Protein backbone atom coordinates (compact mmCIF):
# COMPACT_ATOMS: atom_id res chain seq x y z
CA MET A 1 76.95 92.42 82.84
CA VAL A 2 76.39 90.62 79.50
CA SER A 3 75.48 92.64 76.48
CA ARG A 4 72.73 91.86 74.01
CA PRO A 5 73.75 91.00 70.48
CA ALA A 6 72.49 93.09 67.64
CA PRO A 7 69.10 92.11 66.10
CA ALA A 8 69.44 89.26 63.64
CA SER A 9 68.15 91.47 60.78
CA THR A 10 71.14 93.86 61.09
CA ALA A 11 73.77 91.00 61.36
CA LEU A 12 76.42 93.57 62.35
CA PRO A 13 76.78 95.34 58.96
CA PRO A 14 79.41 97.97 58.25
CA MET A 15 78.66 101.06 60.30
CA PRO A 16 76.12 103.36 58.56
CA GLY A 17 76.85 107.00 58.39
CA ASP A 18 74.13 107.92 60.93
CA GLY A 19 74.10 104.80 63.06
CA GLY A 20 77.45 105.04 64.84
CA PRO A 21 78.61 106.74 68.04
CA PRO A 22 78.46 110.58 68.06
CA GLY A 23 81.58 112.16 66.65
CA ILE A 24 82.63 109.11 64.54
CA ASP A 25 83.10 110.40 61.01
CA ALA A 26 83.98 108.72 57.77
CA PHE A 27 87.68 108.88 58.45
CA ALA A 28 87.29 107.14 61.77
CA ARG A 29 85.04 104.50 60.30
CA ALA A 30 87.60 103.82 57.54
CA ALA A 31 90.41 103.55 60.12
CA LEU A 32 88.42 101.08 62.21
CA GLU A 33 87.68 99.00 59.11
CA ASP A 34 91.42 98.55 58.56
CA VAL A 35 92.43 97.91 62.20
CA ARG A 36 93.99 94.40 62.45
CA ASP A 37 92.53 93.80 65.96
CA ALA A 38 88.93 92.64 66.30
CA VAL A 39 86.76 95.61 67.41
CA PHE A 40 83.15 95.50 68.52
CA LEU A 41 81.07 98.66 69.17
CA GLN A 42 78.40 98.58 71.86
CA ASP A 43 75.73 101.27 72.13
CA ALA A 44 74.47 102.99 75.25
CA ALA A 45 71.73 100.38 75.70
CA GLY A 46 74.34 97.59 75.81
CA VAL A 47 73.58 96.30 72.28
CA VAL A 48 76.47 95.22 69.99
CA ARG A 49 75.86 97.42 66.94
CA TRP A 50 78.91 96.92 64.77
CA SER A 51 82.11 95.00 64.26
CA ASN A 52 85.06 95.61 61.92
CA PRO A 53 86.25 92.94 59.38
CA ALA A 54 88.71 91.46 61.86
CA ALA A 55 85.92 91.00 64.41
CA ARG A 56 83.52 89.57 61.87
CA ALA A 57 86.12 87.06 60.74
CA LEU A 58 86.78 86.07 64.35
CA ALA A 59 83.08 85.69 65.15
CA GLY A 60 81.99 83.88 62.04
CA ASP A 61 78.40 82.90 62.52
CA ALA A 62 78.56 83.24 66.27
CA GLU A 63 76.75 86.00 68.10
CA PRO A 64 79.18 88.05 70.34
CA TYR A 65 78.33 88.49 74.02
CA LEU A 66 80.35 91.10 75.94
CA HIS A 67 81.12 90.27 79.60
CA VAL A 68 82.15 92.93 82.16
CA PRO A 69 83.85 91.70 85.33
CA ALA A 70 82.21 92.53 88.64
CA VAL A 71 83.51 95.62 90.40
CA THR A 72 83.07 95.83 94.20
CA SER A 73 82.44 99.34 95.49
CA GLY A 74 81.22 100.23 98.94
CA GLY A 75 79.90 96.71 99.46
CA ALA A 76 77.92 96.73 96.21
CA VAL A 77 78.75 94.75 93.07
CA THR A 78 78.33 96.55 89.76
CA ARG A 79 78.87 95.40 86.18
CA THR A 80 79.06 98.36 83.84
CA PRO A 81 81.61 98.97 81.09
CA ALA A 82 82.05 102.55 82.27
CA GLU A 83 83.60 101.23 85.56
CA SER A 84 85.89 98.70 83.93
CA ARG A 85 88.81 98.78 81.52
CA ALA A 86 88.83 95.08 80.76
CA GLY A 87 86.28 92.41 79.97
CA HIS A 88 85.71 89.40 77.77
CA VAL A 89 83.98 88.81 74.46
CA GLU A 90 82.20 85.42 74.34
CA LEU A 91 82.07 83.73 70.95
CA ALA A 92 80.57 80.26 70.66
CA GLY A 93 81.13 79.67 74.37
CA HIS A 94 84.81 80.76 74.26
CA LEU A 95 85.85 83.80 76.28
CA ARG A 96 88.46 86.14 74.76
CA PRO A 97 89.96 88.99 76.86
CA ALA A 98 89.25 92.48 75.61
CA ARG A 99 90.08 96.09 76.35
CA ILE A 100 87.14 98.42 76.90
CA ARG A 101 87.32 102.09 75.79
CA ALA A 102 84.54 104.62 76.48
CA LEU A 103 83.21 106.50 73.43
CA PRO A 104 80.93 109.56 73.19
CA GLY A 105 77.22 109.09 73.82
CA GLY A 106 77.60 106.11 76.21
CA TRP A 107 79.04 103.82 73.49
CA HIS A 108 82.03 101.51 74.12
CA ALA A 109 84.65 99.96 71.92
CA TRP A 110 85.70 96.40 72.76
CA THR A 111 89.09 95.37 71.34
CA VAL A 112 89.80 91.64 71.55
CA LEU A 113 93.35 90.88 72.67
CA ALA A 114 95.22 88.52 70.47
CA ASP A 115 97.21 85.62 72.05
CA ASP A 116 100.55 87.31 71.49
CA VAL A 117 99.29 90.46 73.28
CA LEU A 118 98.27 88.33 76.28
CA GLN A 119 101.65 86.69 76.33
CA ARG A 120 103.34 90.06 76.32
CA ARG A 121 101.02 91.24 79.20
CA VAL A 122 101.97 88.18 81.26
CA GLY A 123 105.60 88.82 80.56
CA ASP A 124 105.20 92.49 81.57
CA PHE A 125 103.52 91.47 84.83
CA LEU A 126 106.21 88.98 85.70
CA ALA A 127 108.98 91.43 84.78
CA GLU A 128 107.46 93.99 87.07
CA ALA A 129 106.99 91.44 89.92
CA GLY A 130 110.55 90.15 89.78
CA PRO A 131 112.37 93.20 91.23
CA ARG A 132 109.78 93.71 93.94
CA LEU A 133 110.03 90.12 95.08
CA ALA A 134 113.86 90.35 94.98
CA ALA A 135 113.79 93.51 97.06
CA ALA A 136 111.46 92.12 99.75
CA ARG A 137 113.10 91.37 103.11
CA GLY A 138 112.13 88.74 105.67
CA ARG A 139 109.31 86.20 105.70
CA HIS A 140 106.72 88.80 106.69
CA GLY A 141 107.78 91.40 104.09
CA THR A 142 108.03 88.86 101.29
CA ALA A 143 104.64 87.29 101.95
CA ARG A 144 103.05 90.73 102.06
CA VAL A 145 104.58 91.65 98.69
CA ILE A 146 103.42 88.32 97.17
CA ALA A 147 99.85 89.09 98.22
CA GLU A 148 100.00 92.67 96.89
CA LEU A 149 101.36 91.58 93.51
CA ALA A 150 98.92 88.70 93.08
CA ALA A 151 95.97 91.05 93.92
CA SER A 152 97.16 93.53 91.35
CA ALA A 153 96.66 91.20 88.39
CA LEU A 154 95.79 87.57 89.25
CA ALA A 155 92.75 87.92 91.49
CA GLU A 156 90.51 90.33 93.45
CA THR A 157 91.15 88.47 96.74
CA VAL A 158 94.43 86.87 97.68
CA PHE A 159 95.62 84.93 100.74
CA VAL A 160 99.17 83.72 101.26
CA LEU A 161 99.23 80.76 103.63
CA LEU A 162 102.45 79.52 105.25
CA PRO A 163 102.84 76.82 107.88
CA THR A 164 103.90 78.01 111.31
CA THR A 165 104.26 76.53 114.77
CA ARG A 166 101.67 74.72 116.93
CA GLY A 167 99.59 73.39 114.06
CA ARG A 168 98.68 76.75 112.60
CA TRP A 169 98.90 78.70 109.35
CA GLU A 170 100.10 82.23 109.20
CA TRP A 171 98.27 84.28 106.52
CA TRP A 172 98.73 87.50 104.62
CA SER A 173 95.87 88.91 102.54
CA CYS A 174 95.28 91.63 99.99
CA GLU A 175 92.00 92.66 98.39
CA ARG A 176 91.48 95.15 95.64
CA PRO A 177 91.96 98.05 95.71
CA ALA A 178 94.39 97.88 98.64
CA ALA A 179 92.93 96.26 101.80
CA GLN A 180 95.53 94.19 103.55
CA GLY A 181 95.49 91.74 106.50
CA HIS A 182 97.71 89.44 108.53
CA GLY A 183 97.12 86.85 111.20
CA ARG A 184 97.16 83.15 112.19
CA ILE A 185 94.52 80.48 111.88
CA ARG A 186 94.28 76.80 112.75
CA ARG A 187 95.29 74.41 110.06
CA VAL A 188 92.42 72.63 108.36
CA PRO A 189 92.62 68.80 108.41
CA ALA A 190 93.40 67.14 105.12
CA GLN A 191 90.15 65.11 105.39
CA VAL A 192 88.00 68.25 104.99
CA ALA A 193 90.37 70.30 102.79
CA PRO A 194 91.97 67.74 100.42
CA VAL A 195 92.82 70.33 97.67
CA LEU A 196 94.68 72.52 100.15
CA ALA A 197 96.46 69.54 101.67
CA ALA A 198 97.55 68.34 98.24
CA THR A 199 98.85 71.76 97.43
CA PHE A 200 100.94 72.04 100.59
CA GLY A 201 102.32 68.58 99.92
CA ALA A 202 103.05 69.16 96.26
CA THR A 203 106.59 68.50 95.09
CA GLY A 204 106.52 69.45 91.41
CA PRO A 205 106.19 72.77 89.61
CA PRO A 206 103.31 74.95 90.79
CA GLN A 207 99.97 74.07 89.32
CA GLN A 208 96.72 75.99 89.87
CA ALA A 209 93.87 73.90 91.16
CA PRO A 210 90.19 74.87 91.74
CA VAL A 211 88.97 74.89 95.34
CA PRO A 212 85.39 73.63 95.63
CA ALA A 213 82.96 75.81 97.51
CA PRO A 214 82.36 73.22 100.33
CA GLU A 215 86.15 73.15 100.95
CA VAL A 216 86.32 76.96 101.06
CA ALA A 217 83.50 76.84 103.65
CA THR A 218 85.69 74.64 105.94
CA LEU A 219 88.30 77.41 106.28
CA PRO A 220 88.25 79.63 109.35
CA SER A 221 85.82 82.52 108.82
CA VAL A 222 88.56 85.15 108.63
CA VAL A 223 89.63 83.50 105.36
CA GLY A 224 86.54 81.65 104.11
CA ASP A 225 84.19 84.64 104.43
CA ARG A 226 86.41 86.78 102.21
CA PHE A 227 85.82 84.42 99.30
CA ALA A 228 82.04 84.53 99.51
CA GLY A 229 80.46 85.52 96.24
CA HIS A 230 83.55 84.83 94.17
CA ALA A 231 82.94 83.14 90.86
CA ASP A 232 86.27 81.26 91.02
CA VAL A 233 88.53 80.22 93.94
CA SER A 234 91.75 78.40 93.20
CA VAL A 235 95.05 77.55 95.01
CA VAL A 236 98.60 77.15 93.82
CA SER A 237 101.70 75.96 95.66
CA LEU A 238 104.47 78.40 96.61
CA GLY A 239 107.08 75.65 97.16
CA PRO A 240 108.86 73.73 98.10
CA SER A 241 112.26 75.09 97.13
CA VAL A 242 114.96 72.45 97.04
CA GLY A 243 116.90 72.47 100.31
CA ALA A 244 115.00 75.43 101.70
CA GLU A 245 112.18 73.56 103.44
CA VAL A 246 109.67 76.21 102.32
CA THR A 247 106.09 75.24 101.70
CA GLY A 248 103.14 77.50 101.27
CA ALA A 249 99.96 78.15 99.25
CA LEU A 250 98.45 81.05 97.38
CA LEU A 251 94.65 81.29 97.51
CA LEU A 252 93.15 83.31 94.67
CA GLY A 253 89.54 84.48 94.37
CA ARG A 254 88.01 86.17 91.30
CA HIS A 255 84.56 87.68 90.91
CA GLY A 256 84.72 87.69 87.12
CA ASP A 257 86.87 86.66 84.20
CA ALA A 258 90.58 85.99 84.29
CA GLU A 259 92.83 89.01 83.67
CA PHE A 260 95.08 87.11 81.25
CA GLY A 261 92.52 84.90 79.57
CA ALA A 262 93.99 81.77 78.13
CA GLU A 263 97.37 82.76 79.58
CA GLN A 264 96.02 82.98 83.15
CA SER A 265 97.23 79.54 84.21
CA ARG A 266 100.73 80.24 82.99
CA ALA A 267 100.76 83.64 84.70
CA VAL A 268 99.73 82.07 88.01
CA ALA A 269 102.16 79.17 87.79
CA GLU A 270 105.18 81.30 86.87
CA PHE A 271 104.36 83.93 89.47
CA ALA A 272 103.93 81.20 92.10
CA ALA A 273 107.38 79.79 91.20
CA ALA A 274 109.00 83.21 91.47
CA ALA A 275 107.17 83.85 94.80
CA GLY A 276 108.33 80.50 96.16
CA THR A 277 111.94 81.31 95.27
CA ALA A 278 111.60 84.70 97.00
CA LEU A 279 110.27 83.06 100.13
CA ALA A 280 113.09 80.49 100.11
CA ASN A 281 115.65 83.30 99.75
CA ALA A 282 114.00 85.22 102.57
CA GLN A 283 114.15 82.16 104.84
CA ARG A 284 117.78 81.51 103.88
CA PHE A 285 118.67 85.14 104.59
CA ALA A 286 116.84 85.00 107.92
CA ARG A 287 118.94 81.94 108.95
CA GLN A 288 122.13 83.66 107.86
CA GLU A 289 121.13 86.75 109.77
CA GLU A 290 120.38 84.70 112.87
CA ALA A 291 123.79 83.01 112.58
CA THR A 292 125.42 86.37 112.03
CA ARG A 293 123.78 87.86 115.10
CA GLY A 294 124.85 84.82 117.14
CA LEU A 295 128.40 85.25 116.02
CA GLU A 296 128.35 88.95 116.77
CA THR A 297 126.99 88.25 120.25
CA THR A 298 129.78 85.77 120.92
CA LEU A 299 132.64 87.73 119.29
CA ARG A 300 131.87 91.37 120.00
CA PRO A 301 133.83 92.75 122.97
CA VAL A 302 131.76 93.65 126.06
CA ASP A 303 132.12 96.68 128.22
CA PRO A 304 134.80 96.15 130.95
CA PRO A 305 133.60 95.52 134.53
CA GLY A 306 134.16 98.04 137.27
CA LEU A 307 137.37 97.94 139.32
CA ASP A 308 138.04 99.77 142.54
CA GLY A 309 140.65 102.48 141.99
CA ALA A 310 140.58 102.21 138.17
CA ARG A 311 138.18 103.09 135.40
CA PHE A 312 138.11 101.78 131.81
CA GLU A 313 136.87 103.41 128.66
CA THR A 314 136.61 101.72 125.23
CA TRP A 315 136.03 102.49 121.58
CA TYR A 316 135.28 99.58 119.19
CA GLU A 317 134.50 100.27 115.55
CA PRO A 318 134.96 97.33 113.08
CA ALA A 319 135.48 97.91 109.41
CA GLY A 320 132.24 97.79 107.43
CA GLY A 321 131.03 94.34 106.39
CA VAL A 322 128.49 91.62 106.97
CA LEU A 323 129.53 91.13 110.57
CA ALA A 324 129.63 93.98 113.07
CA VAL A 325 132.83 92.50 114.43
CA GLY A 326 136.35 92.20 113.04
CA GLY A 327 139.89 91.31 113.90
CA ASP A 328 140.43 93.85 116.66
CA PHE A 329 139.43 93.01 120.17
CA PHE A 330 139.85 93.75 123.92
CA ASP A 331 138.93 92.06 127.17
CA VAL A 332 139.16 92.96 130.86
CA LEU A 333 138.81 89.98 133.23
CA PRO A 334 138.76 90.71 136.98
CA HIS A 335 140.67 88.51 139.45
CA GLY A 336 139.53 87.79 143.00
CA ASP A 337 142.36 89.84 144.56
CA GLY A 338 141.14 93.17 143.14
CA SER A 339 143.36 93.12 140.08
CA ALA A 340 142.33 92.37 136.50
CA PHE A 341 143.76 90.78 133.37
CA LEU A 342 143.54 93.01 130.25
CA VAL A 343 144.31 92.50 126.64
CA LEU A 344 143.94 94.43 123.43
CA GLY A 345 144.83 92.84 120.07
CA ASP A 346 144.63 92.88 116.34
CA VAL A 347 144.31 89.70 114.25
CA CYS A 348 145.69 90.02 110.70
CA GLY A 349 142.96 90.90 108.21
CA LYS A 350 139.33 91.95 108.69
CA GLY A 351 135.84 90.64 108.25
CA PRO A 352 134.48 87.13 109.13
CA GLU A 353 137.77 85.22 108.74
CA ALA A 354 139.61 87.60 111.10
CA ALA A 355 136.61 87.56 113.48
CA ALA A 356 136.77 83.74 113.63
CA LEU A 357 140.43 83.75 114.63
CA THR A 358 139.76 86.59 117.05
CA GLY A 359 137.27 84.33 118.79
CA ARG A 360 139.86 81.57 119.13
CA VAL A 361 142.42 83.98 120.53
CA ARG A 362 140.00 85.48 123.04
CA HIS A 363 138.77 82.12 124.25
CA ALA A 364 142.25 80.75 124.60
CA LEU A 365 143.43 83.80 126.52
CA THR A 366 140.38 83.67 128.82
CA ALA A 367 141.22 80.09 129.72
CA LEU A 368 144.97 80.63 130.04
CA ALA A 369 144.56 83.76 132.21
CA MET A 370 142.75 81.70 134.84
CA VAL A 371 145.89 79.68 135.55
CA GLU A 372 148.74 81.94 134.40
CA ARG A 373 149.40 85.65 135.12
CA ASP A 374 152.84 86.14 133.66
CA GLY A 375 152.35 88.07 130.40
CA ARG A 376 155.39 86.64 128.63
CA THR A 377 154.27 83.12 129.40
CA LEU A 378 150.75 83.83 128.16
CA LEU A 379 152.13 85.17 124.84
CA ARG A 380 154.37 82.18 124.46
CA LEU A 381 151.53 79.69 125.01
CA LEU A 382 149.27 81.58 122.59
CA ASN A 383 152.00 81.61 120.00
CA GLU A 384 152.32 77.86 120.20
CA LEU A 385 148.56 77.43 119.97
CA LEU A 386 148.28 79.51 116.81
CA ILE A 387 151.14 77.79 115.12
CA ALA A 388 149.78 74.34 116.03
CA GLY A 389 146.41 75.33 114.66
CA GLY A 390 147.86 75.76 111.16
CA SER A 391 146.47 79.23 110.53
CA SER A 392 148.35 81.46 108.11
CA ARG A 393 147.13 84.50 110.05
CA PHE A 394 149.03 86.16 112.90
CA ALA A 395 148.13 88.56 115.69
CA THR A 396 149.63 91.47 117.57
CA LEU A 397 148.58 92.19 121.06
CA VAL A 398 149.43 93.74 124.36
CA LEU A 399 148.29 92.18 127.57
CA GLY A 400 148.99 92.30 131.26
CA THR A 401 147.69 93.02 134.72
CA VAL A 402 146.16 96.13 136.20
CA LYS A 403 146.23 96.44 140.01
CA PRO A 404 145.16 99.53 141.97
CA SER A 405 147.32 100.20 145.08
CA ASP A 406 148.41 103.02 147.34
CA GLY A 407 146.24 105.67 145.51
CA GLY A 408 147.59 104.74 142.12
CA VAL A 409 147.33 101.93 139.50
CA GLY A 410 150.16 99.55 138.68
CA LEU A 411 150.36 98.10 135.16
CA THR A 412 152.42 95.16 134.05
CA LEU A 413 152.35 94.90 130.27
CA ALA A 414 153.73 92.45 127.73
CA SER A 415 153.58 92.92 123.95
CA GLY A 416 153.57 90.73 120.88
CA GLY A 417 154.52 93.03 118.04
CA HIS A 418 151.80 95.56 118.92
CA PRO A 419 151.95 99.39 118.83
CA ALA A 420 153.41 100.68 122.09
CA PRO A 421 150.93 101.72 124.82
CA LEU A 422 150.88 105.49 125.52
CA ILE A 423 150.66 107.14 128.98
CA VAL A 424 148.86 110.50 129.03
CA ARG A 425 150.14 112.18 132.16
CA ARG A 426 147.96 114.67 133.94
CA ALA A 427 150.66 117.31 133.43
CA GLY A 428 150.36 117.06 129.63
CA VAL A 429 153.23 114.69 128.82
CA VAL A 430 152.59 111.72 126.55
CA GLU A 431 154.96 108.82 127.30
CA GLU A 432 155.51 105.64 125.27
CA VAL A 433 155.82 102.34 127.09
CA THR A 434 158.58 100.44 125.34
CA VAL A 435 157.72 96.73 125.36
CA PRO A 436 159.57 94.75 122.68
CA GLY A 437 158.10 91.56 121.30
CA THR A 438 157.52 89.69 118.02
CA LEU A 439 154.35 88.86 116.13
CA VAL A 440 152.21 86.10 117.64
CA GLY A 441 151.57 83.03 115.56
CA ILE A 442 154.54 83.34 113.08
CA SER A 443 157.63 81.72 114.57
CA PRO A 444 158.25 79.10 117.25
CA GLN A 445 161.30 81.16 118.31
CA ALA A 446 159.22 84.24 119.12
CA ARG A 447 160.44 86.30 122.10
CA PHE A 448 158.40 88.56 124.35
CA ALA A 449 159.25 91.15 127.01
CA GLU A 450 157.44 92.79 129.89
CA ALA A 451 157.35 96.31 131.37
CA GLU A 452 155.91 97.90 134.52
CA VAL A 453 154.40 101.39 134.74
CA ARG A 454 152.41 103.28 137.36
CA LEU A 455 149.49 105.63 136.89
CA GLU A 456 148.82 108.40 139.35
CA ARG A 457 145.59 110.28 139.88
CA GLY A 458 144.48 111.80 136.53
CA ASP A 459 146.79 109.72 134.40
CA VAL A 460 145.44 107.59 131.52
CA CYS A 461 147.07 104.66 129.74
CA LEU A 462 145.89 104.15 126.12
CA LEU A 463 146.03 100.78 124.32
CA TYR A 464 145.06 101.04 120.67
CA THR A 465 145.20 99.23 117.36
CA ASP A 466 146.72 100.46 114.09
CA GLY A 467 143.29 101.30 112.75
CA ILE A 468 143.94 104.67 114.45
CA THR A 469 147.34 105.54 113.04
CA GLU A 470 146.62 104.05 109.61
CA ALA A 471 143.30 105.90 109.12
CA ARG A 472 143.47 107.56 105.68
CA ASN A 473 142.58 111.18 105.12
CA ARG A 474 139.31 111.80 103.48
CA HIS A 475 140.89 114.23 100.97
CA ASP A 476 144.19 112.44 100.31
CA GLN A 477 144.17 108.69 100.75
CA THR A 478 147.93 108.57 100.82
CA GLU A 479 148.06 110.56 104.03
CA LEU A 480 147.73 108.63 107.31
CA PHE A 481 146.60 109.82 110.68
CA GLY A 482 149.94 108.78 112.09
CA ASP A 483 151.72 108.58 115.40
CA ASP A 484 152.51 112.31 115.72
CA ARG A 485 148.87 113.37 115.20
CA LEU A 486 147.75 110.74 117.72
CA ARG A 487 150.17 112.12 120.33
CA SER A 488 149.00 115.68 119.65
CA VAL A 489 145.39 114.76 120.20
CA LEU A 490 146.25 112.98 123.46
CA ALA A 491 148.37 115.83 124.75
CA ALA A 492 145.54 118.25 124.14
CA ALA A 493 143.26 116.04 126.24
CA ALA A 494 145.72 115.61 129.10
CA GLY A 495 144.14 115.90 132.57
CA GLU A 496 140.71 114.92 131.23
CA PRO A 497 138.99 111.73 132.39
CA ALA A 498 139.51 108.65 130.17
CA ARG A 499 135.96 109.02 128.73
CA GLU A 500 136.82 112.52 127.47
CA VAL A 501 140.24 111.46 126.15
CA VAL A 502 138.63 108.71 124.10
CA ARG A 503 135.83 110.94 122.95
CA GLN A 504 138.22 113.57 121.63
CA LEU A 505 140.37 110.89 119.90
CA ARG A 506 137.26 109.35 118.33
CA GLN A 507 136.06 112.68 117.04
CA SER A 508 139.47 113.54 115.59
CA VAL A 509 139.78 110.23 113.73
CA ARG A 510 136.25 110.44 112.39
CA ASP A 511 136.84 114.03 111.17
CA TRP A 512 140.03 112.79 109.51
CA LEU A 513 138.25 109.84 107.83
CA GLY A 514 135.09 111.51 106.75
CA SER A 515 133.08 108.90 104.89
CA SER A 516 136.19 106.93 103.88
CA ALA A 517 136.50 103.26 104.57
CA HIS A 518 138.75 102.29 107.49
CA ASP A 519 140.34 99.28 109.13
CA ASP A 520 139.04 97.81 112.43
CA ILE A 521 139.57 100.14 115.35
CA ALA A 522 139.84 99.23 119.05
CA VAL A 523 140.85 101.37 121.97
CA LEU A 524 141.08 100.50 125.66
CA ALA A 525 141.90 103.29 128.09
CA VAL A 526 142.83 102.74 131.77
CA GLU A 527 142.45 105.63 134.21
CA CYS A 528 143.66 105.99 137.72
CA ALA A 529 140.45 106.93 139.53
CA ASP A 530 139.95 108.39 143.04
């Protein structure tokens, strides 16, 4: 809607006592006279009846025309001040943003926004958008947030377009008040959509460009139809970000005047730059997450295979961090003769660095165990490999062979500086398997020993890392879980299957820790099964 100016004979004089809005007394008139901002008063018929000194100085000899942006409601487009809080005052062909405030009797006050006010509003919008963009996760989530934010201030209809596979664009849309959409469309050839093509190929800072109506019409209907009836359709680049290989475009459609007036172009450009950075970060994070998941798949221990006459139970809980793997590990590798190679170890440290060395150790042992079964020889070869690799980290581990025979299970174990294995006898006795040996990866003169034990029906052998015994009490961080408490828990579980023994141990350690941080934990239990 565009208002009618006052009749020329009145020439917007100071407000007469009986010619203003109902309820406006002399005090209010005096206050409006002294307001620094330009204020125009519009009567119920849409006629501009009065302006304060600031408004008269701004208008000069020009007649003011008041523009209300279109408001879409239930499919109908209306243009009344009562349904809008913002509009524009046109003076000599120049539009100035204004706030609209309803007054008694159907009158409205239009306050023209000064340039510094517009600048502050742009700054407020960008300041509000920043945290939401930073908090968005993933390509999909980030694009959706970009569309929502743009629709809240920059345009009534917004489409985010990002290139995807097979010659298509993926799109996310948002329309006021809150309608959202998502899908894929074919890419439009550059010959019929040159403005869009130039935007996707832009290499400089984002710059808003108008999209001609014929070009909008070339877009697939799911996009093009949404811009029908818009007074202005423009596009701005969302990239690229250096090194991130992110390109994209933001399509903006407005029914009426720009929200930020003369500052609109700056608002769009700075928002597009921030949105492009958010998309680049989202893509970078997605690549890192993909690499992380790949590492976890490679490095995380897998459940042991079945073995006739023996059962295995495990507990693996790495310390918190980016990777869901750490320096503790275990493996069970079956042999063709019914036996199996087993190992449980702890690489010095935790987190990604320890996990990387863990991967090297596991791969080396997997290869070595195919040609060598003597535990002492395996530890000696691994020791030489780690020293030759130049790593400053060391490892402790216990490894050997498990072989069911004659109703029991024979274990041959060798250790490299690792906590001694424990045998939980069915009768309730907890025995320590003494296997001397030095740390692996420290000295070329390292020496290793070997021991043999036998499990009968109902016996369980427990291999574990020091994440158990060094777990710190949730109430007193100086108090450790310790060897004695470990033995007590195991003795109480004697005669139970390996699964129950490990469950009780896990519950005891977690109760001890509470929400406290802990080191990597790995447990491998071997049970003599029927």
